[in-house]
C-alpha atoms as a PDB file:
ATOM      1  CA  MET A   1       5.852  -9.457 -11.783  1.00  0.00           C
ATOM      2  CA  PHE A   2       5.274  -5.831 -10.853  1.00  0.00           C
ATOM      3  CA  ASP A   3       6.107  -4.477  -7.391  1.00  0.00           C
ATOM      4  CA  ILE A   4       3.403  -1.916  -6.570  1.00  0.00           C
ATOM      5  CA  GLY A   5       5.036  -0.793  -3.326  1.00  0.00           C
ATOM      6  CA  LEU A   6       8.722   0.118  -3.093  1.00  0.00           C
ATOM      7  CA  ASN A   7      10.057   2.858  -0.797  1.00  0.00           C
ATOM      8  CA  LEU A   8      13.085   3.581  -2.962  1.00  0.00           C
ATOM      9  CA  THR A   9      13.487   7.030  -1.392  1.00  0.00           C
ATOM     10  CA  SER A  10      14.355   5.356   1.931  1.00  0.00           C
ATOM     11  CA  SER A  11      17.785   6.167   3.370  1.00  0.00           C
ATOM     12  CA  GLN A  12      18.325   2.392   3.566  1.00  0.00           C
ATOM     13  CA  PHE A  13      18.797   2.470  -0.205  1.00  0.00           C
ATOM     14  CA  ALA A  14      20.974   5.588  -0.276  1.00  0.00           C
ATOM     15  CA  LYS A  15      24.223   3.768  -1.041  1.00  0.00           C
ATOM     16  CA  ASP A  16      23.071   1.261  -3.664  1.00  0.00           C
ATOM     17  CA  ARG A  17      19.847   2.340  -5.378  1.00  0.00           C
ATOM     18  CA  ASP A  18      21.219   1.539  -8.833  1.00  0.00           C
ATOM     19  CA  GLU A  19      22.130  -1.975  -7.732  1.00  0.00           C
ATOM     20  CA  VAL A  20      18.771  -2.515  -5.989  1.00  0.00           C
ATOM     21  CA  VAL A  21      16.868  -1.668  -9.161  1.00  0.00           C
ATOM     22  CA  ALA A  22      19.242  -3.725 -11.303  1.00  0.00           C
ATOM     23  CA  ARG A  23      18.875  -6.764  -9.017  1.00  0.00           C
ATOM     24  CA  ALA A  24      15.086  -6.479  -9.199  1.00  0.00           C
ATOM     25  CA  ILE A  25      15.072  -6.429 -12.999  1.00  0.00           C
ATOM     26  CA  ALA A  26      17.554  -9.319 -13.123  1.00  0.00           C
ATOM     27  CA  ALA A  27      15.226 -11.280 -10.802  1.00  0.00           C
ATOM     28  CA  GLY A  28      12.347 -10.933 -13.250  1.00  0.00           C
ATOM     29  CA  VAL A  29      10.567  -7.872 -11.852  1.00  0.00           C
ATOM     30  CA  LYS A  30       9.049  -6.077 -14.845  1.00  0.00           C
ATOM     31  CA  GLY A  31       8.135  -2.818 -13.154  1.00  0.00           C
ATOM     32  CA  LEU A  32       8.317  -0.855  -9.915  1.00  0.00           C
ATOM     33  CA  LEU A  33       5.954   1.663  -8.336  1.00  0.00           C
ATOM     34  CA  LEU A  34       7.883   3.988  -6.041  1.00  0.00           C
ATOM     35  CA  THR A  35       5.896   5.202  -3.061  1.00  0.00           C
ATOM     36  CA  GLY A  36       5.548   8.890  -2.227  1.00  0.00           C
ATOM     37  CA  THR A  37       4.835   9.378   1.480  1.00  0.00           C
ATOM     38  CA  ASN A  38       5.066  13.154   1.954  1.00  0.00           C
ATOM     39  CA  GLN A  39       5.676  16.252  -0.104  1.00  0.00           C
ATOM     40  CA  HIS A  40       9.460  15.854  -0.286  1.00  0.00           C
ATOM     41  CA  GLU A  41       9.449  12.064  -0.706  1.00  0.00           C
ATOM     42  CA  SER A  42       6.840  12.332  -3.468  1.00  0.00           C
ATOM     43  CA  GLU A  43       9.083  14.750  -5.345  1.00  0.00           C
ATOM     44  CA  GLN A  44      12.053  12.437  -4.845  1.00  0.00           C
ATOM     45  CA  ALA A  45      10.073   9.377  -5.928  1.00  0.00           C
ATOM     46  CA  GLN A  46       9.059  11.106  -9.163  1.00  0.00           C
ATOM     47  CA  LEU A  47      12.674  12.028  -9.891  1.00  0.00           C
ATOM     48  CA  LEU A  48      13.812   8.451  -9.247  1.00  0.00           C
ATOM     49  CA  ALA A  49      11.047   7.092 -11.481  1.00  0.00           C
ATOM     50  CA  GLN A  50      12.283   9.464 -14.172  1.00  0.00           C
ATOM     51  CA  ARG A  51      15.825   8.216 -13.655  1.00  0.00           C
ATOM     52  CA  TYR A  52      15.170   4.474 -13.924  1.00  0.00           C
ATOM     53  CA  ASP A  53      13.527   2.458 -16.661  1.00  0.00           C
ATOM     54  CA  ARG A  54      10.390   0.497 -15.749  1.00  0.00           C
ATOM     55  CA  CYS A  55       9.646   2.736 -12.782  1.00  0.00           C
ATOM     56  CA  TRP A  56       6.627   4.871 -11.937  1.00  0.00           C
ATOM     57  CA  SER A  57       5.648   6.638  -8.726  1.00  0.00           C
ATOM     58  CA  THR A  58       2.848   7.819  -6.493  1.00  0.00           C
ATOM     59  CA  ALA A  59       2.420  11.282  -5.010  1.00  0.00           C
ATOM     60  CA  GLY A  60       0.806  11.717  -1.638  1.00  0.00           C
ATOM     61  CA  VAL A  61       1.014  12.331   2.102  1.00  0.00           C
ATOM     62  CA  HIS A  62       1.002   9.312   4.421  1.00  0.00           C
ATOM     63  CA  PRO A  63      -1.231   9.491   7.516  1.00  0.00           C
ATOM     64  CA  HIS A  64       1.904   9.653   9.687  1.00  0.00           C
ATOM     65  CA  ASP A  65       2.799  12.926   7.937  1.00  0.00           C
ATOM     66  CA  SER A  66      -0.716  14.378   7.800  1.00  0.00           C
ATOM     67  CA  SER A  67       0.174  17.122  10.280  1.00  0.00           C
ATOM     68  CA  GLN A  68       2.331  18.572   7.468  1.00  0.00           C
ATOM     69  CA  TRP A  69      -0.623  18.864   5.066  1.00  0.00           C
ATOM     70  CA  THR A  70      -1.003  22.395   3.667  1.00  0.00           C
ATOM     71  CA  GLN A  71      -2.321  24.099   0.579  1.00  0.00           C
ATOM     72  CA  GLU A  72       1.225  23.853  -0.755  1.00  0.00           C
ATOM     73  CA  SER A  73       1.003  20.068  -0.391  1.00  0.00           C
ATOM     74  CA  ALA A  74      -2.064  20.058  -2.606  1.00  0.00           C
ATOM     75  CA  GLU A  75      -0.305  22.225  -5.174  1.00  0.00           C
ATOM     76  CA  VAL A  76       2.734  19.918  -5.213  1.00  0.00           C
ATOM     77  CA  LEU A  77       0.534  16.859  -5.757  1.00  0.00           C
ATOM     78  CA  HIS A  78      -1.270  18.597  -8.624  1.00  0.00           C
ATOM     79  CA  ARG A  79       2.080  19.460 -10.219  1.00  0.00           C
ATOM     80  CA  LEU A  80       3.533  15.976  -9.801  1.00  0.00           C
ATOM     81  CA  ALA A  81       0.353  14.344 -11.085  1.00  0.00           C
ATOM     82  CA  LYS A  82       0.889  16.042 -14.428  1.00  0.00           C
ATOM     83  CA  THR A  83       4.185  14.199 -14.972  1.00  0.00           C
ATOM     84  CA  PRO A  84       4.162  10.884 -16.863  1.00  0.00           C
ATOM     85  CA  GLU A  85       5.852   9.048 -14.009  1.00  0.00           C
ATOM     86  CA  VAL A  86       3.125   9.670 -11.409  1.00  0.00           C
ATOM     87  CA  VAL A  87       0.239   7.233 -11.845  1.00  0.00           C
ATOM     88  CA  ALA A  88      -1.599   7.406  -8.504  1.00  0.00           C
ATOM     89  CA  ILE A  89      -2.373   9.721  -5.598  1.00  0.00           C
ATOM     90  CA  GLY A  90      -1.086   8.416  -2.271  1.00  0.00           C
ATOM     91  CA  GLU A  91       0.138   6.916  -0.066  1.00  0.00           C
ATOM     92  CA  CYS A  92      -2.841   8.320   1.795  1.00  0.00           C
ATOM     93  CA  GLY A  93      -5.273   7.016   4.368  1.00  0.00           C
ATOM     94  CA  LEU A  94      -5.585   6.534   8.120  1.00  0.00           C
ATOM     95  CA  ASP A  95      -3.329   5.017  10.778  1.00  0.00           C
ATOM     96  CA  PHE A  96      -4.872   5.047  14.243  1.00  0.00           C
ATOM     97  CA  ASN A  97      -2.259   2.591  15.521  1.00  0.00           C
ATOM     98  CA  ARG A  98       0.488   5.123  16.147  1.00  0.00           C
ATOM     99  CA  ASN A  99      -1.249   8.458  15.618  1.00  0.00           C
ATOM    100  CA  PHE A 100       1.950  10.281  14.676  1.00  0.00           C
ATOM    101  CA  SER A 101      -0.563  12.821  13.346  1.00  0.00           C
ATOM    102  CA  THR A 102      -3.869  13.322  15.119  1.00  0.00           C
ATOM    103  CA  PRO A 103      -6.941  11.524  13.754  1.00  0.00           C
ATOM    104  CA  GLU A 104      -8.373  14.905  12.766  1.00  0.00           C
ATOM    105  CA  GLU A 105      -5.242  15.809  10.803  1.00  0.00           C
ATOM    106  CA  GLN A 106      -5.245  12.401   9.136  1.00  0.00           C
ATOM    107  CA  GLU A 107      -8.881  12.672   8.109  1.00  0.00           C
ATOM    108  CA  LYS A 108      -8.364  16.149   6.659  1.00  0.00           C
ATOM    109  CA  ALA A 109      -5.345  15.083   4.579  1.00  0.00           C
ATOM    110  CA  PHE A 110      -6.999  11.858   3.431  1.00  0.00           C
ATOM    111  CA  THR A 111     -10.173  13.586   2.281  1.00  0.00           C
ATOM    112  CA  ALA A 112      -8.184  16.304   0.531  1.00  0.00           C
ATOM    113  CA  GLN A 113      -6.197  13.700  -1.408  1.00  0.00           C
ATOM    114  CA  LEU A 114      -9.319  11.769  -2.370  1.00  0.00           C
ATOM    115  CA  ALA A 115     -10.696  15.028  -3.764  1.00  0.00           C
ATOM    116  CA  ILE A 116      -7.503  15.605  -5.774  1.00  0.00           C
ATOM    117  CA  ALA A 117      -7.599  12.075  -7.178  1.00  0.00           C
ATOM    118  CA  ALA A 118     -11.260  12.487  -8.149  1.00  0.00           C
ATOM    119  CA  GLU A 119     -10.574  15.858  -9.751  1.00  0.00           C
ATOM    120  CA  LEU A 120      -7.668  14.482 -11.772  1.00  0.00           C
ATOM    121  CA  GLY A 121      -9.247  11.116 -12.566  1.00  0.00           C
ATOM    122  CA  MET A 122      -6.423   9.166 -10.915  1.00  0.00           C
ATOM    123  CA  PRO A 123      -6.454   5.998  -8.806  1.00  0.00           C
ATOM    124  CA  VAL A 124      -5.586   6.158  -5.115  1.00  0.00           C
ATOM    125  CA  PHE A 125      -2.881   4.201  -3.293  1.00  0.00           C
ATOM    126  CA  MET A 126      -4.023   3.840   0.296  1.00  0.00           C
ATOM    127  CA  HIS A 127      -2.964   2.855   3.806  1.00  0.00           C
ATOM    128  CA  CYS A 128      -5.214   1.742   6.653  1.00  0.00           C
ATOM    129  CA  ARG A 129      -4.229   0.476  10.073  1.00  0.00           C
ATOM    130  CA  ASP A 130      -6.551   0.131  13.044  1.00  0.00           C
ATOM    131  CA  ALA A 131      -9.010   2.508  11.384  1.00  0.00           C
ATOM    132  CA  HIS A 132     -11.124   0.300   9.118  1.00  0.00           C
ATOM    133  CA  ALA A 133     -14.594   1.648   9.895  1.00  0.00           C
ATOM    134  CA  ARG A 134     -13.602   5.308   9.730  1.00  0.00           C
ATOM    135  CA  PHE A 135     -11.491   4.648   6.622  1.00  0.00           C
ATOM    136  CA  LEU A 136     -14.512   3.240   4.776  1.00  0.00           C
ATOM    137  CA  THR A 137     -16.771   6.063   5.973  1.00  0.00           C
ATOM    138  CA  LEU A 138     -14.431   8.693   4.515  1.00  0.00           C
ATOM    139  CA  LEU A 139     -13.638   6.758   1.350  1.00  0.00           C
ATOM    140  CA  GLU A 140     -17.084   5.572   0.323  1.00  0.00           C
ATOM    141  CA  PRO A 141     -18.457   8.899  -0.996  1.00  0.00           C
ATOM    142  CA  TRP A 142     -15.502   9.143  -3.379  1.00  0.00           C
ATOM    143  CA  LEU A 143     -15.351   5.613  -4.804  1.00  0.00           C
ATOM    144  CA  ASP A 144     -17.725   6.251  -7.705  1.00  0.00           C
ATOM    145  CA  LYS A 145     -15.648   9.314  -8.638  1.00  0.00           C
ATOM    146  CA  LEU A 146     -12.338   7.417  -8.774  1.00  0.00           C
ATOM    147  CA  PRO A 147     -11.047   5.196 -11.606  1.00  0.00           C
ATOM    148  CA  GLY A 148      -9.639   2.742  -9.078  1.00  0.00           C
ATOM    149  CA  ALA A 149      -8.307   2.226  -5.559  1.00  0.00           C
ATOM    150  CA  VAL A 150      -5.851  -0.113  -3.897  1.00  0.00           C
ATOM    151  CA  LEU A 151      -5.385  -0.713  -0.191  1.00  0.00           C
ATOM    152  CA  HIS A 152      -1.691  -1.458  -0.144  1.00  0.00           C
ATOM    153  CA  CYS A 153       0.044  -3.737   2.351  1.00  0.00           C
ATOM    154  CA  PHE A 154      -3.262  -5.242   3.412  1.00  0.00           C
ATOM    155  CA  THR A 155      -3.037  -6.903   6.845  1.00  0.00           C
ATOM    156  CA  GLY A 156      -6.651  -6.775   8.012  1.00  0.00           C
ATOM    157  CA  SER A 157      -9.222  -9.445   8.759  1.00  0.00           C
ATOM    158  CA  ARG A 158     -11.330 -11.501   6.349  1.00  0.00           C
ATOM    159  CA  GLU A 159     -14.250  -9.184   7.100  1.00  0.00           C
ATOM    160  CA  ASP A 160     -12.094  -6.137   6.336  1.00  0.00           C
ATOM    161  CA  ALA A 161     -10.979  -7.718   3.072  1.00  0.00           C
ATOM    162  CA  LEU A 162     -14.525  -8.485   1.973  1.00  0.00           C
ATOM    163  CA  ASP A 163     -15.636  -4.950   2.887  1.00  0.00           C
ATOM    164  CA  CYS A 164     -12.954  -3.566   0.568  1.00  0.00           C
ATOM    165  CA  LEU A 165     -13.509  -6.086  -2.223  1.00  0.00           C
ATOM    166  CA  ASN A 166     -17.259  -5.498  -2.181  1.00  0.00           C
ATOM    167  CA  ARG A 167     -16.520  -1.832  -2.810  1.00  0.00           C
ATOM    168  CA  GLY A 168     -14.401  -2.589  -5.843  1.00  0.00           C
ATOM    169  CA  MET A 169     -10.969  -2.104  -4.313  1.00  0.00           C
ATOM    170  CA  TYR A 170      -7.762  -3.968  -5.055  1.00  0.00           C
ATOM    171  CA  LEU A 171      -5.682  -5.429  -2.219  1.00  0.00           C
ATOM    172  CA  GLY A 172      -1.883  -5.313  -2.137  1.00  0.00           C
ATOM    173  CA  ILE A 173      -0.212  -8.332  -0.520  1.00  0.00           C
ATOM    174  CA  THR A 174       3.304  -8.167   0.920  1.00  0.00           C
ATOM    175  CA  GLY A 175       5.738 -10.480   2.663  1.00  0.00           C
ATOM    176  CA  TRP A 176       3.657  -9.989   5.815  1.00  0.00           C
ATOM    177  CA  VAL A 177       1.860 -13.135   4.629  1.00  0.00           C
ATOM    178  CA  CYS A 178       5.138 -15.045   4.972  1.00  0.00           C
ATOM    179  CA  ASP A 179       5.347 -14.288   8.709  1.00  0.00           C
ATOM    180  CA  GLU A 180       4.385 -17.363  10.754  1.00  0.00           C
ATOM    181  CA  ARG A 181       3.829 -15.191  13.837  1.00  0.00           C
ATOM    182  CA  ARG A 182       1.377 -12.585  12.564  1.00  0.00           C
ATOM    183  CA  GLY A 183       0.552 -13.429   8.944  1.00  0.00           C
ATOM    184  CA  LEU A 184      -1.515 -16.588   9.390  1.00  0.00           C
ATOM    185  CA  GLU A 185      -4.930 -14.908   9.229  1.00  0.00           C
ATOM    186  CA  LEU A 186      -3.943 -13.133   6.032  1.00  0.00           C
ATOM    187  CA  ARG A 187      -2.573 -16.394   4.607  1.00  0.00           C
ATOM    188  CA  GLU A 188      -5.900 -18.128   5.253  1.00  0.00           C
ATOM    189  CA  LEU A 189      -7.984 -15.437   3.548  1.00  0.00           C
ATOM    190  CA  LEU A 190      -5.840 -15.274   0.392  1.00  0.00           C
ATOM    191  CA  PRO A 191      -8.175 -17.596  -1.584  1.00  0.00           C
ATOM    192  CA  ALA A 192     -11.057 -15.195  -0.882  1.00  0.00           C
ATOM    193  CA  ILE A 193      -9.392 -12.447  -2.941  1.00  0.00           C
ATOM    194  CA  PRO A 194     -10.457 -12.641  -6.607  1.00  0.00           C
ATOM    195  CA  ALA A 195      -7.364 -12.962  -8.806  1.00  0.00           C
ATOM    196  CA  GLU A 196      -8.423  -9.871 -10.759  1.00  0.00           C
ATOM    197  CA  ARG A 197      -8.274  -7.783  -7.557  1.00  0.00           C
ATOM    198  CA  LEU A 198      -4.921  -8.976  -6.257  1.00  0.00           C
ATOM    199  CA  LEU A 199      -1.680  -6.995  -6.425  1.00  0.00           C
ATOM    200  CA  VAL A 200       1.748  -7.917  -5.052  1.00  0.00           C
ATOM    201  CA  GLU A 201       4.419  -5.794  -3.446  1.00  0.00           C
ATOM    202  CA  THR A 202       7.476  -5.891  -1.228  1.00  0.00           C
ATOM    203  CA  ASP A 203       7.040  -2.582   0.662  1.00  0.00           C
ATOM    204  CA  ALA A 204      10.841  -2.684   0.697  1.00  0.00           C
ATOM    205  CA  PRO A 205      12.978  -1.961   2.644  1.00  0.00           C
ATOM    206  CA  TYR A 206      10.371  -3.131   5.174  1.00  0.00           C
ATOM    207  CA  LEU A 207       8.709  -6.538   5.688  1.00  0.00           C
ATOM    208  CA  LEU A 208      11.471  -8.903   4.604  1.00  0.00           C
ATOM    209  CA  PRO A 209       9.757 -12.298   4.182  1.00  0.00           C
ATOM    210  CA  ARG A 210      10.673 -14.382   7.232  1.00  0.00           C
ATOM    211  CA  ASP A 211      10.539 -17.724   5.425  1.00  0.00           C
ATOM    212  CA  MET A 212      13.198 -17.094   2.790  1.00  0.00           C
ATOM    213  CA  LYS A 213      15.822 -19.843   2.597  1.00  0.00           C
ATOM    214  CA  PRO A 214      18.633 -19.183   2.818  1.00  0.00           C
ATOM    215  CA  LYS A 215      17.906 -16.065   4.851  1.00  0.00           C
ATOM    216  CA  PRO A 216      19.405 -12.920   3.307  1.00  0.00           C
ATOM    217  CA  ALA A 217      22.439 -11.591   5.142  1.00  0.00           C
ATOM    218  CA  SER A 218      20.692  -8.246   5.605  1.00  0.00           C
ATOM    219  CA  ARG A 219      17.275  -7.678   7.192  1.00  0.00           C
ATOM    220  CA  ARG A 220      16.576  -5.106   4.497  1.00  0.00           C
ATOM    221  CA  ASN A 221      13.892  -6.156   2.063  1.00  0.00           C
ATOM    222  CA  GLU A 222      14.430  -5.629  -1.674  1.00  0.00           C
ATOM    223  CA  PRO A 223      12.189  -5.695  -4.756  1.00  0.00           C
ATOM    224  CA  ALA A 224      14.322  -8.586  -6.041  1.00  0.00           C
ATOM    225  CA  TYR A 225      12.525 -10.742  -3.458  1.00  0.00           C
ATOM    226  CA  LEU A 226       9.105 -10.170  -5.037  1.00  0.00           C
ATOM    227  CA  GLY A 227       9.294 -13.547  -6.768  1.00  0.00           C
ATOM    228  CA  HIS A 228       9.394 -15.278  -3.394  1.00  0.00           C
ATOM    229  CA  ILE A 229       6.217 -13.486  -2.298  1.00  0.00           C
ATOM    230  CA  VAL A 230       4.457 -14.362  -5.558  1.00  0.00           C
ATOM    231  CA  GLU A 231       5.473 -18.016  -5.217  1.00  0.00           C
ATOM    232  CA  ARG A 232       4.206 -18.282  -1.637  1.00  0.00           C
ATOM    233  CA  VAL A 233       0.952 -16.425  -2.366  1.00  0.00           C
ATOM    234  CA  ALA A 234       0.318 -18.688  -5.352  1.00  0.00           C
ATOM    235  CA  HIS A 235       1.041 -21.745  -3.211  1.00  0.00           C
ATOM    236  CA  TRP A 236      -1.453 -20.740  -0.531  1.00  0.00           C
ATOM    237  CA  ARG A 237      -4.047 -19.887  -3.186  1.00  0.00           C
ATOM    238  CA  GLY A 238      -3.499 -23.161  -5.048  1.00  0.00           C
ATOM    239  CA  GLU A 239      -2.415 -21.420  -8.251  1.00  0.00           C
ATOM    240  CA  ASP A 240       0.537 -21.565 -10.618  1.00  0.00           C
ATOM    241  CA  PRO A 241       2.962 -18.748  -9.728  1.00  0.00           C
ATOM    242  CA  HIS A 242       3.628 -17.866 -13.370  1.00  0.00           C
ATOM    243  CA  TRP A 243      -0.092 -17.550 -14.011  1.00  0.00           C
ATOM    244  CA  LEU A 244      -0.562 -15.429 -10.895  1.00  0.00           C
ATOM    245  CA  ALA A 245       2.347 -13.166 -11.826  1.00  0.00           C
ATOM    246  CA  ALA A 246       0.804 -12.584 -15.260  1.00  0.00           C
ATOM    247  CA  GLN A 247      -2.619 -11.936 -13.717  1.00  0.00           C
ATOM    248  CA  THR A 248      -1.282  -9.375 -11.252  1.00  0.00           C
ATOM    249  CA  ASP A 249       0.605  -7.692 -14.096  1.00  0.00           C
ATOM    250  CA  ASP A 250      -2.697  -7.335 -15.948  1.00  0.00           C
ATOM    251  CA  ASN A 251      -4.240  -5.864 -12.803  1.00  0.00           C
ATOM    252  CA  VAL A 252      -1.456  -3.280 -12.618  1.00  0.00           C
ATOM    253  CA  ARG A 253      -2.061  -2.275 -16.234  1.00  0.00           C
ATOM    254  CA  ARG A 254      -5.790  -1.946 -15.605  1.00  0.00           C
ATOM    255  CA  LEU A 255      -5.492   0.032 -12.362  1.00  0.00           C
ATOM    256  CA  PHE A 256      -2.547   2.311 -13.078  1.00  0.00           C
ATOM    257  CA  GLY A 257      -2.691   2.493 -16.875  1.00  0.00           C
ATOM    258  CA  VAL A 258       1.006   1.683 -17.315  1.00  0.00           C
ATOM    259  CA  GLU A 259       2.613  -0.366 -20.085  1.00  0.00           C
ATOM    260  CA  PHE A 260       5.606  -2.573 -19.358  1.00  0.00           C
END
């Protein structure tokens, strides 16, 4: 099992990062991709990936932070991308749900990061919420210039999923699918995702799976819980969880070019 989405730079992990990583490895997680969400967090994620075995990172500016995008941001991403720990550009994309940055700022930062990924020949790690049509419009001209792309924490509709899959993207599935209140549509479309395009992630410390028994004492999600997500996804897809874990590991190797 490989967790492609872990926000290890979060302040929620400030007091026990070593233990969080150790618990994940003890639980059978073979590798962790630490998410970079802005200039500072991307630098911190790279340093943490350097610090821990079996860890890599992304470097990017999340749509929420797109108002901070500058030429310096581009220079920092170029610098980080040259390190062995950084294996993707992102988290980048569009989020028209909250608009912490204006749509115009988001589109500028997203396009700039797609250009960097294309220039450097790196995959992109993307975010999209309530912006599907515009997201595809901006992304499509770049897809044939990129070695790969994943839409992480996918929570869209079946139609959204097929739009992405038909364009060669991977989809990252989180514990959102374990939520009986809002994850049912995602649960039902899981079998439509080809196994070779599926990736798994916790997005920790967010999105603690609601159906874990016994419930963890803390509401904080951890990468050690990835096995629960894999087991539930495999169940709803009608597959053996060990087979699915091995398949998603192969997908990670193919997309990000990492060995673990």
